């Protein structure tokens, strides 16, 4: 199975990309529903929660964990990778996004993200490791998140809010990076208003992971291929069905489980 973690169900945009590119595999998606949202929590709170649940996934049998949440990645990547899980395999969604910017040989990009991702310069630092000549503008867009979560993307208020954020970027930017899984759901709206190339780290993570599996047959050969999708949540699974009906009907669901730690 391929294991994905996000703080909320918006990371299902990442799961959807993985299943488009690698539909043959089984997936487990963990959503920390009892502690949402992460984007307004402190660095310490996010680190503690992410460590607890990533540990749970590894102890439950994960060989590798895809950390789909940009905020969790920004706050935990160094500590988890270097000090807590140095011998474990974790794919961080910001890295494929930054690599895509580098591969396209862009000179100037704009990152639409949430508070901690911007404050910690998650994409800027990662892009500059690859090429420090690329100009990276990171803009936090907190007012978009509740509108997406309330599914008000077709309202005049949403269109005006999105336009106000997009008006902040310089006209000579070449691409916009979606620095939060929420924004994958409004990719078309962003592109229609901005007329810029869109880089979706969720999609790029799936592409990179497929390549990774080709280089690591010891992992690939152990992945089950029953075409199943299992969901873990940290609240009562019965609450999941209402959200499922509203937002994520197009993902094949096999089981819903409540995580026990």
Protein backbone atom coordinates (compact mmCIF):
# COMPACT_ATOMS: atom_id res chain seq x y z
CA UNK A 1 0.00 0.00 0.00
CA UNK A 2 0.97 3.62 -0.56
CA UNK A 3 0.42 5.74 2.55
CA UNK A 4 -0.48 9.44 2.45
CA UNK A 5 -0.91 11.89 5.32
CA UNK A 6 -2.59 15.28 5.43
CA UNK A 7 -4.09 17.40 8.16
CA UNK A 8 -7.44 17.52 6.38
CA UNK A 9 -9.31 15.90 3.53
CA UNK A 10 -8.02 18.46 1.04
CA UNK A 11 -4.96 16.27 0.62
CA UNK A 12 -7.29 14.02 -1.31
CA UNK A 13 -6.28 16.17 -4.27
CA UNK A 14 -2.85 14.56 -3.86
CA UNK A 15 -4.36 11.09 -3.54
CA UNK A 16 -6.36 11.72 -6.70
CA UNK A 17 -3.18 12.55 -8.64
CA UNK A 18 -1.44 9.42 -7.34
CA UNK A 19 -4.38 7.27 -8.36
CA UNK A 20 -4.51 8.81 -11.83
CA UNK A 21 -0.85 8.02 -12.43
CA UNK A 22 -0.62 4.74 -10.48
CA UNK A 23 -4.17 3.33 -10.32
CA UNK A 24 -3.02 -0.24 -9.84
CA UNK A 25 -1.82 0.22 -6.26
CA UNK A 26 -3.68 0.17 -2.95
CA UNK A 27 -3.73 3.37 -0.91
CA UNK A 28 -4.15 4.36 2.69
CA UNK A 29 -5.00 8.01 3.30
CA UNK A 30 -4.75 9.38 6.83
CA UNK A 31 -6.55 12.58 7.71
CA UNK A 32 -6.06 14.16 11.17
CA UNK A 33 -9.66 15.29 11.32
CA UNK A 34 -9.76 15.86 15.09
CA UNK A 35 -7.02 18.52 14.99
CA UNK A 36 -7.86 20.53 11.89
CA UNK A 37 -6.90 23.05 10.76
CA UNK A 38 -3.08 22.92 10.91
CA UNK A 39 -2.50 26.20 9.10
CA UNK A 40 -3.41 28.33 12.15
CA UNK A 41 -1.41 26.29 14.69
CA UNK A 42 2.03 27.05 16.08
CA UNK A 43 5.19 25.40 14.78
CA UNK A 44 5.46 23.32 17.96
CA UNK A 45 1.87 22.07 17.76
CA UNK A 46 2.24 21.08 14.12
CA UNK A 47 5.52 19.27 14.79
CA UNK A 48 4.02 17.32 17.70
CA UNK A 49 0.89 16.28 15.78
CA UNK A 50 2.78 15.35 12.63
CA UNK A 51 5.30 13.26 14.57
CA UNK A 52 2.51 11.37 16.37
CA UNK A 53 0.64 10.48 13.20
CA UNK A 54 3.62 9.74 10.99
CA UNK A 55 4.87 7.40 13.71
CA UNK A 56 1.42 5.78 13.76
CA UNK A 57 1.61 5.18 10.01
CA UNK A 58 5.06 3.61 10.19
CA UNK A 59 4.03 1.43 13.12
CA UNK A 60 0.95 0.39 11.13
CA UNK A 61 3.13 -0.98 8.35
CA UNK A 62 4.02 1.91 6.03
CA UNK A 63 7.30 1.51 4.14
CA UNK A 64 7.18 5.09 2.95
CA UNK A 65 4.87 7.99 3.86
CA UNK A 66 3.85 10.76 1.47
CA UNK A 67 3.41 13.93 3.53
CA UNK A 68 0.85 15.76 1.40
CA UNK A 69 0.32 18.72 3.74
CA UNK A 70 2.44 21.73 2.77
CA UNK A 71 2.10 23.31 6.22
CA UNK A 72 3.19 20.12 8.00
CA UNK A 73 6.08 19.74 5.57
CA UNK A 74 7.25 23.32 6.10
CA UNK A 75 7.19 22.95 9.89
CA UNK A 76 8.61 19.45 10.28
CA UNK A 77 10.83 18.46 7.35
CA UNK A 78 14.19 19.10 9.02
CA UNK A 79 13.30 17.75 12.46
CA UNK A 80 11.52 14.61 11.27
CA UNK A 81 14.05 13.82 8.57
CA UNK A 82 17.23 14.47 10.54
CA UNK A 83 16.32 13.69 14.15
CA UNK A 84 13.10 11.69 14.59
CA UNK A 85 12.86 9.40 11.55
CA UNK A 86 16.36 9.47 10.01
CA UNK A 87 16.09 5.85 8.85
CA UNK A 88 12.55 6.13 7.45
CA UNK A 89 11.42 7.14 3.98
CA UNK A 90 9.19 10.21 3.76
CA UNK A 91 8.23 12.04 0.56
CA UNK A 92 7.69 15.75 1.17
CA UNK A 93 5.29 17.43 -1.24
CA UNK A 94 7.27 20.69 -1.39
CA UNK A 95 10.34 19.01 -2.88
CA UNK A 96 8.77 17.84 -6.18
CA UNK A 97 7.13 21.25 -6.51
CA UNK A 98 10.46 23.02 -6.16
CA UNK A 99 12.14 20.55 -8.51
CA UNK A 100 9.51 21.29 -11.15
CA UNK A 101 10.31 25.00 -10.95
CA UNK A 102 13.98 24.17 -11.49
CA UNK A 103 13.33 21.70 -14.32
CA UNK A 104 11.28 24.28 -16.24
CA UNK A 105 14.22 26.69 -16.06
CA UNK A 106 12.00 29.49 -14.79
CA UNK A 107 13.36 32.84 -13.71
CA UNK A 108 10.52 34.12 -11.55
CA UNK A 109 7.68 32.26 -9.83
CA UNK A 110 4.96 33.01 -7.33
CA UNK A 111 3.89 30.65 -4.55
CA UNK A 112 0.32 30.81 -3.24
CA UNK A 113 0.41 29.26 0.23
CA UNK A 114 -0.72 29.46 3.85
CA UNK A 115 0.81 31.24 6.82
CA UNK A 116 3.50 28.84 8.07
CA UNK A 117 4.53 27.73 4.59
CA UNK A 118 5.25 31.36 3.69
CA UNK A 119 6.85 32.36 6.99
CA UNK A 120 9.21 29.38 6.89
CA UNK A 121 10.03 30.06 3.22
CA UNK A 122 9.38 26.41 2.43
CA UNK A 123 9.41 26.74 -1.35
CA UNK A 124 11.90 29.58 -1.63
CA UNK A 125 14.56 27.71 0.34
CA UNK A 126 13.98 24.47 -1.54
CA UNK A 127 14.10 26.19 -4.96
CA UNK A 128 17.25 28.07 -4.00
CA UNK A 129 19.01 24.84 -3.05
CA UNK A 130 18.62 23.90 -6.72
CA UNK A 131 19.14 27.36 -8.24
CA UNK A 132 19.49 30.51 -6.15
CA UNK A 133 19.04 32.74 -9.20
CA UNK A 134 15.34 31.93 -9.46
CA UNK A 135 13.21 34.66 -7.90
CA UNK A 136 10.52 33.20 -5.65
CA UNK A 137 7.68 35.33 -4.28
CA UNK A 138 5.63 33.63 -1.56
CA UNK A 139 2.21 35.04 -0.68
CA UNK A 140 -0.07 33.78 2.08
CA UNK A 141 -3.75 33.66 1.20
CA UNK A 142 -5.64 32.89 4.43
CA UNK A 143 -8.99 34.22 3.21
CA UNK A 144 -9.17 31.65 0.42
CA UNK A 145 -9.06 28.64 2.73
CA UNK A 146 -12.45 29.09 4.48
CA UNK A 147 -14.14 29.87 1.16
CA UNK A 148 -12.82 26.65 -0.33
CA UNK A 149 -13.76 24.68 2.77
CA UNK A 150 -17.31 26.04 2.60
CA UNK A 151 -17.32 25.23 -1.12
CA UNK A 152 -18.09 28.80 -2.13
CA UNK A 153 -15.81 28.81 -5.15
CA UNK A 154 -18.59 29.85 -7.53
CA UNK A 155 -19.58 32.93 -5.55
CA UNK A 156 -18.71 36.56 -6.39
CA UNK A 157 -16.99 36.85 -2.99
CA UNK A 158 -14.61 34.02 -3.85
CA UNK A 159 -13.82 35.44 -7.28
CA UNK A 160 -13.11 38.87 -5.80
CA UNK A 161 -10.95 37.41 -3.00
CA UNK A 162 -8.91 35.33 -5.43
CA UNK A 163 -8.46 38.26 -7.80
CA UNK A 164 -7.23 40.46 -4.94
CA UNK A 165 -4.51 37.93 -4.14
CA UNK A 166 -3.52 37.40 -7.75
CA UNK A 167 -3.26 41.16 -8.26
CA UNK A 168 -0.38 41.17 -5.76
CA UNK A 169 2.07 39.33 -7.96
CA UNK A 170 4.39 40.99 -10.44
CA UNK A 171 3.25 40.85 -14.05
CA UNK A 172 6.49 39.21 -15.21
CA UNK A 173 6.16 36.03 -13.14
CA UNK A 174 6.19 32.89 -15.28
CA UNK A 175 4.29 30.42 -13.10
CA UNK A 176 2.24 30.03 -9.93
CA UNK A 177 3.02 27.21 -7.52
CA UNK A 178 0.05 25.82 -5.56
CA UNK A 179 1.61 25.76 -2.09
CA UNK A 180 -1.40 24.22 -0.32
CA UNK A 181 -3.51 21.17 -1.21
CA UNK A 182 -6.63 23.36 -0.91
CA UNK A 183 -5.54 25.28 -3.98
CA UNK A 184 -5.39 22.22 -6.22
CA UNK A 185 -9.18 22.31 -6.11
CA UNK A 186 -9.24 25.82 -7.59
CA UNK A 187 -6.48 25.26 -10.13
CA UNK A 188 -8.72 26.15 -13.08
CA UNK A 189 -9.98 29.33 -11.40
CA UNK A 190 -6.41 30.45 -10.66
CA UNK A 191 -5.29 29.77 -14.22
CA UNK A 192 -8.31 31.50 -15.76
CA UNK A 193 -7.74 34.67 -13.74
CA UNK A 194 -3.93 34.75 -13.84
CA UNK A 195 -3.26 33.39 -17.36
CA UNK A 196 -0.05 31.90 -15.94
CA UNK A 197 1.39 28.41 -15.95
CA UNK A 198 0.29 26.44 -12.88
CA UNK A 199 2.64 24.11 -10.99
CA UNK A 200 0.74 21.63 -8.84
CA UNK A 201 3.07 19.84 -6.38
CA UNK A 202 0.42 17.16 -5.84
CA UNK A 203 0.73 16.12 -9.48
CA UNK A 204 4.51 16.43 -9.50
CA UNK A 205 4.78 14.36 -6.31
CA UNK A 206 2.91 11.51 -8.01
CA UNK A 207 5.20 11.69 -11.06
CA UNK A 208 8.32 11.69 -8.87
CA UNK A 209 7.03 8.84 -6.75
CA UNK A 210 6.42 6.67 -9.80
CA UNK A 211 10.01 7.29 -10.88
CA UNK A 212 11.19 6.55 -7.34
CA UNK A 213 9.44 3.17 -7.38
CA UNK A 214 11.13 2.30 -10.67
CA UNK A 215 14.49 2.89 -8.98
CA UNK A 216 13.49 0.98 -5.84
CA UNK A 217 12.03 -2.41 -6.79
CA UNK A 218 12.41 -3.55 -3.18
CA UNK A 219 9.56 -1.16 -2.33
CA UNK A 220 7.59 -1.45 -5.56
CA UNK A 221 7.46 -5.24 -5.44
CA UNK A 222 5.98 -5.16 -1.94
CA UNK A 223 3.10 -2.82 -2.80
CA UNK A 224 -0.29 -4.50 -2.94
CA UNK A 225 -2.39 -4.15 -6.08
CA UNK A 226 -5.99 -4.85 -5.14
CA UNK A 227 -7.15 -1.37 -6.27
CA UNK A 228 -8.31 -0.59 -2.73
CA UNK A 229 -8.42 2.73 -0.90
CA UNK A 230 -8.61 2.76 2.89
CA UNK A 231 -9.15 5.91 4.94
CA UNK A 232 -8.00 6.51 8.48
CA UNK A 233 -9.37 9.47 10.41
CA UNK A 234 -8.70 10.64 13.96
CA UNK A 235 -12.40 11.24 14.65
CA UNK A 236 -15.46 9.04 14.33
CA UNK A 237 -15.56 7.46 10.84
CA UNK A 238 -19.34 7.96 10.73
CA UNK A 239 -18.78 11.71 10.28
CA UNK A 240 -16.69 11.00 7.22
CA UNK A 241 -19.62 9.91 5.07
CA UNK A 242 -21.23 13.36 4.97
CA UNK A 243 -17.99 14.89 3.72
CA UNK A 244 -17.51 12.00 1.32
CA UNK A 245 -20.90 12.57 -0.30
CA UNK A 246 -20.23 16.27 -0.76
CA UNK A 247 -16.63 16.49 -1.88
CA UNK A 248 -14.92 13.27 -2.88
CA UNK A 249 -17.33 10.97 -4.64
CA UNK A 250 -14.90 10.22 -7.47
CA UNK A 251 -12.35 8.35 -5.31
CA UNK A 252 -12.97 4.64 -4.85
CA UNK A 253 -13.55 3.92 -1.17
CA UNK A 254 -12.97 0.49 0.36
CA UNK A 255 -12.91 1.11 4.12
CA UNK A 256 -13.01 3.91 6.69
CA UNK A 257 -11.26 3.37 10.01
CA UNK A 258 -10.67 5.43 13.12
CA UNK A 259 -7.00 5.59 14.09
CA UNK A 260 -6.23 4.20 17.54
CA UNK A 261 -3.10 5.37 19.36
